[in-house]
Amino acid sequence: MLFYILPLAVWISGIVLASSMSYETQNVRPLLQNVPTDWIERSFSWVSFTYGDSVISLQTRSTEAFAEFFIRKGAHVLVFAILAVLLLRLLLFATKRTTLAVTITLVTVAIFAIIDEYRHLLHPNRTGMVEDVILDFLGACLGIAIYLLIIRRGKQRAHVSHASKRL
């Protein structure tokens, strides 16, 4: 059981710790200044959309700020995909019922994402955004889907392998 609980607890602690940090502490723009970014300008100059109250484009942001936006939002998806997989693993172990485990995982991750964004509102220089909760939830859905596909594929291979040994 500890095999399932410990990674989940460590991951949740990491999310809470990162959420407690100021934006300046997590700013990756200085690192991006040392990376060639001209390819971003050439490839993505056409990209322009609204996220929250901001227009995201190379016309409204520096190349580093534009890249950082996608790095940060990608991190939301990845971090919550991993959170969902770790929680789902624990719940599948505990319940052996996929539908129940997936449902509890999605509800729990959604609540966690809402609380996480609310905590951002309480922190100076951070903003809590409904859009980030949606990204977090989509990350959870993606993580669950990939994990279940991997499990299904593993079971199919085990079944085929077992059947071929009987021949």
C-alpha atoms as a PDB file:
ATOM      1  CA  MET A   1       0.000   0.000   0.000  1.00  0.00           C
ATOM      2  CA  LEU A   2       2.894   2.344   0.782  1.00  0.00           C
ATOM      3  CA  PHE A   3       4.049   1.742  -2.815  1.00  0.00           C
ATOM      4  CA  TYR A   4       0.891   3.599  -3.924  1.00  0.00           C
ATOM      5  CA  ILE A   5       0.552   6.185  -1.158  1.00  0.00           C
ATOM      6  CA  LEU A   6       4.132   7.474  -0.941  1.00  0.00           C
ATOM      7  CA  PRO A   7       4.534   8.662  -4.571  1.00  0.00           C
ATOM      8  CA  LEU A   8       1.111  10.327  -4.382  1.00  0.00           C
ATOM      9  CA  ALA A   9       1.961  12.093  -1.124  1.00  0.00           C
ATOM     10  CA  VAL A  10       5.301  13.295  -2.504  1.00  0.00           C
ATOM     11  CA  TRP A  11       3.645  14.561  -5.699  1.00  0.00           C
ATOM     12  CA  ILE A  12       0.909  16.412  -3.796  1.00  0.00           C
ATOM     13  CA  SER A  13       3.560  17.953  -1.534  1.00  0.00           C
ATOM     14  CA  GLY A  14       5.450  19.140  -4.603  1.00  0.00           C
ATOM     15  CA  ILE A  15       2.334  20.760  -6.051  1.00  0.00           C
ATOM     16  CA  VAL A  16       1.541  22.496  -2.769  1.00  0.00           C
ATOM     17  CA  LEU A  17       5.132  23.708  -2.460  1.00  0.00           C
ATOM     18  CA  ALA A  18       5.197  25.035  -6.042  1.00  0.00           C
ATOM     19  CA  SER A  19       1.835  26.726  -5.471  1.00  0.00           C
ATOM     20  CA  SER A  20       3.247  28.508  -2.456  1.00  0.00           C
ATOM     21  CA  MET A  21       6.109  30.024  -4.434  1.00  0.00           C
ATOM     22  CA  SER A  22       5.906  33.479  -5.949  1.00  0.00           C
ATOM     23  CA  TYR A  23       5.738  33.916  -9.704  1.00  0.00           C
ATOM     24  CA  GLU A  24       9.206  35.472  -9.649  1.00  0.00           C
ATOM     25  CA  THR A  25      10.640  32.320  -8.059  1.00  0.00           C
ATOM     26  CA  GLN A  26       9.209  30.211 -10.888  1.00  0.00           C
ATOM     27  CA  ASN A  27       9.986  32.636 -13.719  1.00  0.00           C
ATOM     28  CA  VAL A  28      11.780  30.781 -16.528  1.00  0.00           C
ATOM     29  CA  ARG A  29      12.227  33.791 -18.817  1.00  0.00           C
ATOM     30  CA  PRO A  30      15.821  34.447 -17.683  1.00  0.00           C
ATOM     31  CA  LEU A  31      16.716  30.877 -18.650  1.00  0.00           C
ATOM     32  CA  LEU A  32      15.078  31.315 -22.043  1.00  0.00           C
ATOM     33  CA  GLN A  33      17.185  34.375 -22.800  1.00  0.00           C
ATOM     34  CA  ASN A  34      20.179  32.056 -23.277  1.00  0.00           C
ATOM     35  CA  VAL A  35      18.289  29.748 -25.652  1.00  0.00           C
ATOM     36  CA  PRO A  36      17.927  30.434 -29.382  1.00  0.00           C
ATOM     37  CA  THR A  37      14.295  31.515 -29.841  1.00  0.00           C
ATOM     38  CA  ASP A  38      14.279  32.801 -33.422  1.00  0.00           C
ATOM     39  CA  TRP A  39      12.585  29.565 -34.516  1.00  0.00           C
ATOM     40  CA  ILE A  40       9.674  30.413 -32.214  1.00  0.00           C
ATOM     41  CA  GLU A  41       9.213  33.769 -33.930  1.00  0.00           C
ATOM     42  CA  ARG A  42       9.378  32.162 -37.391  1.00  0.00           C
ATOM     43  CA  SER A  43       7.075  29.253 -36.578  1.00  0.00           C
ATOM     44  CA  PHE A  44       4.482  30.821 -34.287  1.00  0.00           C
ATOM     45  CA  SER A  45       4.099  34.437 -35.369  1.00  0.00           C
ATOM     46  CA  TRP A  46       0.554  33.636 -36.512  1.00  0.00           C
ATOM     47  CA  VAL A  47      -0.583  32.395 -33.061  1.00  0.00           C
ATOM     48  CA  SER A  48      -2.927  34.751 -31.231  1.00  0.00           C
ATOM     49  CA  PHE A  49      -5.669  33.884 -28.749  1.00  0.00           C
ATOM     50  CA  THR A  50      -7.191  35.092 -25.505  1.00  0.00           C
ATOM     51  CA  TYR A  51      -6.473  33.268 -22.262  1.00  0.00           C
ATOM     52  CA  GLY A  52      -8.296  34.756 -19.297  1.00  0.00           C
ATOM     53  CA  ASP A  53      -8.044  38.495 -19.819  1.00  0.00           C
ATOM     54  CA  SER A  54      -4.785  38.396 -21.804  1.00  0.00           C
ATOM     55  CA  VAL A  55      -4.034  38.133 -25.483  1.00  0.00           C
ATOM     56  CA  ILE A  56      -1.328  35.555 -26.043  1.00  0.00           C
ATOM     57  CA  SER A  57       0.760  36.327 -29.115  1.00  0.00           C
ATOM     58  CA  LEU A  58       4.221  37.361 -30.179  1.00  0.00           C
ATOM     59  CA  GLN A  59       2.794  40.798 -30.891  1.00  0.00           C
ATOM     60  CA  THR A  60       1.763  41.276 -27.263  1.00  0.00           C
ATOM     61  CA  ARG A  61       4.609  39.424 -25.494  1.00  0.00           C
ATOM     62  CA  SER A  62       8.329  38.970 -25.801  1.00  0.00           C
ATOM     63  CA  THR A  63       9.443  35.686 -27.333  1.00  0.00           C
ATOM     64  CA  GLU A  64      10.570  34.502 -23.897  1.00  0.00           C
ATOM     65  CA  ALA A  65       7.223  35.419 -22.293  1.00  0.00           C
ATOM     66  CA  PHE A  66       5.361  33.703 -25.144  1.00  0.00           C
ATOM     67  CA  ALA A  67       7.398  30.502 -24.710  1.00  0.00           C
ATOM     68  CA  GLU A  68       7.072  30.682 -20.933  1.00  0.00           C
ATOM     69  CA  PHE A  69       3.290  30.807 -21.232  1.00  0.00           C
ATOM     70  CA  PHE A  70       3.261  27.459 -23.059  1.00  0.00           C
ATOM     71  CA  ILE A  71       5.823  25.945 -20.702  1.00  0.00           C
ATOM     72  CA  ARG A  72       3.741  26.953 -17.673  1.00  0.00           C
ATOM     73  CA  LYS A  73       0.445  25.762 -19.146  1.00  0.00           C
ATOM     74  CA  GLY A  74       2.053  22.544 -20.342  1.00  0.00           C
ATOM     75  CA  ALA A  75       3.286  22.043 -16.793  1.00  0.00           C
ATOM     76  CA  HIS A  76      -0.306  22.344 -15.553  1.00  0.00           C
ATOM     77  CA  VAL A  77      -1.382  19.542 -17.881  1.00  0.00           C
ATOM     78  CA  LEU A  78       1.596  17.302 -17.095  1.00  0.00           C
ATOM     79  CA  VAL A  79       1.553  17.815 -13.320  1.00  0.00           C
ATOM     80  CA  PHE A  80      -2.158  17.053 -13.043  1.00  0.00           C
ATOM     81  CA  ALA A  81      -1.913  14.106 -15.453  1.00  0.00           C
ATOM     82  CA  ILE A  82       0.687  12.564 -13.152  1.00  0.00           C
ATOM     83  CA  LEU A  83      -1.388  13.428 -10.066  1.00  0.00           C
ATOM     84  CA  ALA A  84      -4.406  11.672 -11.585  1.00  0.00           C
ATOM     85  CA  VAL A  85      -2.387   8.576 -12.521  1.00  0.00           C
ATOM     86  CA  LEU A  86      -0.896   8.296  -9.039  1.00  0.00           C
ATOM     87  CA  LEU A  87      -4.309   8.652  -7.395  1.00  0.00           C
ATOM     88  CA  LEU A  88      -5.939   6.273  -9.874  1.00  0.00           C
ATOM     89  CA  ARG A  89      -3.272   3.633  -9.195  1.00  0.00           C
ATOM     90  CA  LEU A  90      -4.004   3.837  -5.474  1.00  0.00           C
ATOM     91  CA  LEU A  91      -7.759   3.660  -5.976  1.00  0.00           C
ATOM     92  CA  LEU A  92      -7.568   0.770  -8.441  1.00  0.00           C
ATOM     93  CA  PHE A  93      -5.436  -1.113  -5.932  1.00  0.00           C
ATOM     94  CA  ALA A  94      -7.892  -0.341  -3.113  1.00  0.00           C
ATOM     95  CA  THR A  95     -11.194  -0.850  -4.931  1.00  0.00           C
ATOM     96  CA  LYS A  96     -10.429  -3.050  -7.969  1.00  0.00           C
ATOM     97  CA  ARG A  97     -13.306  -1.146  -9.659  1.00  0.00           C
ATOM     98  CA  THR A  98     -12.223   0.954 -12.628  1.00  0.00           C
ATOM     99  CA  THR A  99     -15.344   3.106 -13.008  1.00  0.00           C
ATOM    100  CA  LEU A 100     -15.428   3.967  -9.315  1.00  0.00           C
ATOM    101  CA  ALA A 101     -11.686   4.661  -9.216  1.00  0.00           C
ATOM    102  CA  VAL A 102     -11.847   6.921 -12.299  1.00  0.00           C
ATOM    103  CA  THR A 103     -14.852   8.827 -10.945  1.00  0.00           C
ATOM    104  CA  ILE A 104     -13.281   9.420  -7.538  1.00  0.00           C
ATOM    105  CA  THR A 105     -10.004  10.413  -9.200  1.00  0.00           C
ATOM    106  CA  LEU A 106     -11.645  12.973 -11.485  1.00  0.00           C
ATOM    107  CA  VAL A 107     -13.715  14.513  -8.686  1.00  0.00           C
ATOM    108  CA  THR A 108     -10.744  14.617  -6.309  1.00  0.00           C
ATOM    109  CA  VAL A 109      -8.390  16.139  -8.877  1.00  0.00           C
ATOM    110  CA  ALA A 110     -11.000  18.743  -9.852  1.00  0.00           C
ATOM    111  CA  ILE A 111     -11.451  19.754  -6.201  1.00  0.00           C
ATOM    112  CA  PHE A 112      -7.674  19.835  -5.701  1.00  0.00           C
ATOM    113  CA  ALA A 113      -7.260  22.033  -8.813  1.00  0.00           C
ATOM    114  CA  ILE A 114      -9.928  24.454  -7.574  1.00  0.00           C
ATOM    115  CA  ILE A 115      -8.291  24.688  -4.143  1.00  0.00           C
ATOM    116  CA  ASP A 116      -4.875  25.108  -5.754  1.00  0.00           C
ATOM    117  CA  GLU A 117      -6.064  28.030  -7.894  1.00  0.00           C
ATOM    118  CA  TYR A 118      -7.860  29.559  -4.901  1.00  0.00           C
ATOM    119  CA  ARG A 119      -4.558  29.415  -2.992  1.00  0.00           C
ATOM    120  CA  HIS A 120      -2.989  31.362  -5.860  1.00  0.00           C
ATOM    121  CA  LEU A 121      -5.505  34.139  -5.249  1.00  0.00           C
ATOM    122  CA  LEU A 122      -4.277  34.369  -1.660  1.00  0.00           C
ATOM    123  CA  HIS A 123      -0.626  34.636  -2.681  1.00  0.00           C
ATOM    124  CA  PRO A 124       0.839  37.998  -3.690  1.00  0.00           C
ATOM    125  CA  ASN A 125       1.887  38.172  -7.340  1.00  0.00           C
ATOM    126  CA  ARG A 126      -0.087  35.029  -8.258  1.00  0.00           C
ATOM    127  CA  THR A 127      -3.405  34.754 -10.032  1.00  0.00           C
ATOM    128  CA  GLY A 128      -5.966  32.003  -9.729  1.00  0.00           C
ATOM    129  CA  MET A 129      -7.661  31.272 -13.030  1.00  0.00           C
ATOM    130  CA  VAL A 130     -10.664  29.171 -13.998  1.00  0.00           C
ATOM    131  CA  GLU A 131      -8.818  28.424 -17.252  1.00  0.00           C
ATOM    132  CA  ASP A 132      -6.011  26.801 -15.256  1.00  0.00           C
ATOM    133  CA  VAL A 133      -8.512  24.594 -13.415  1.00  0.00           C
ATOM    134  CA  ILE A 134      -9.816  23.471 -16.805  1.00  0.00           C
ATOM    135  CA  LEU A 135      -6.252  22.732 -18.000  1.00  0.00           C
ATOM    136  CA  ASP A 136      -5.594  20.789 -14.800  1.00  0.00           C
ATOM    137  CA  PHE A 137      -8.762  18.752 -15.316  1.00  0.00           C
ATOM    138  CA  LEU A 138      -7.899  18.091 -18.964  1.00  0.00           C
ATOM    139  CA  GLY A 139      -4.460  16.950 -17.819  1.00  0.00           C
ATOM    140  CA  ALA A 140      -6.116  14.550 -15.381  1.00  0.00           C
ATOM    141  CA  CYS A 141      -8.363  13.173 -18.137  1.00  0.00           C
ATOM    142  CA  LEU A 142      -5.374  12.735 -20.443  1.00  0.00           C
ATOM    143  CA  GLY A 143      -3.320  11.002 -17.753  1.00  0.00           C
ATOM    144  CA  ILE A 144      -6.172   8.638 -16.899  1.00  0.00           C
ATOM    145  CA  ALA A 145      -6.826   7.811 -20.558  1.00  0.00           C
ATOM    146  CA  ILE A 146      -3.167   7.053 -21.262  1.00  0.00           C
ATOM    147  CA  TYR A 147      -2.810   5.002 -18.079  1.00  0.00           C
ATOM    148  CA  LEU A 148      -5.921   2.927 -18.815  1.00  0.00           C
ATOM    149  CA  LEU A 149      -4.766   2.340 -22.406  1.00  0.00           C
ATOM    150  CA  ILE A 150      -1.388   1.134 -21.143  1.00  0.00           C
ATOM    151  CA  ILE A 151      -3.078  -1.200 -18.652  1.00  0.00           C
ATOM    152  CA  ARG A 152      -5.429  -2.546 -21.337  1.00  0.00           C
ATOM    153  CA  ARG A 153      -2.569  -3.085 -23.785  1.00  0.00           C
ATOM    154  CA  GLY A 154      -0.566  -4.881 -21.088  1.00  0.00           C
ATOM    155  CA  LYS A 155      -3.486  -7.184 -20.314  1.00  0.00           C
ATOM    156  CA  GLN A 156      -4.008  -7.922 -24.022  1.00  0.00           C
ATOM    157  CA  ARG A 157      -0.338  -8.776 -24.474  1.00  0.00           C
ATOM    158  CA  ALA A 158      -0.381 -10.967 -21.374  1.00  0.00           C
ATOM    159  CA  HIS A 159      -3.502 -12.741 -22.661  1.00  0.00           C
ATOM    160  CA  VAL A 160      -1.981 -13.294 -26.123  1.00  0.00           C
ATOM    161  CA  SER A 161       1.308 -14.461 -24.593  1.00  0.00           C
ATOM    162  CA  HIS A 162      -0.495 -16.842 -22.254  1.00  0.00           C
ATOM    163  CA  ALA A 163      -2.651 -18.210 -25.109  1.00  0.00           C
ATOM    164  CA  SER A 164       0.366 -18.766 -27.387  1.00  0.00           C
ATOM    165  CA  LYS A 165       2.161 -20.727 -24.654  1.00  0.00           C
ATOM    166  CA  ARG A 166      -0.729 -23.191 -24.540  1.00  0.00           C
ATOM    167  CA  LEU A 167      -0.286 -23.955 -28.240  1.00  0.00           C
END
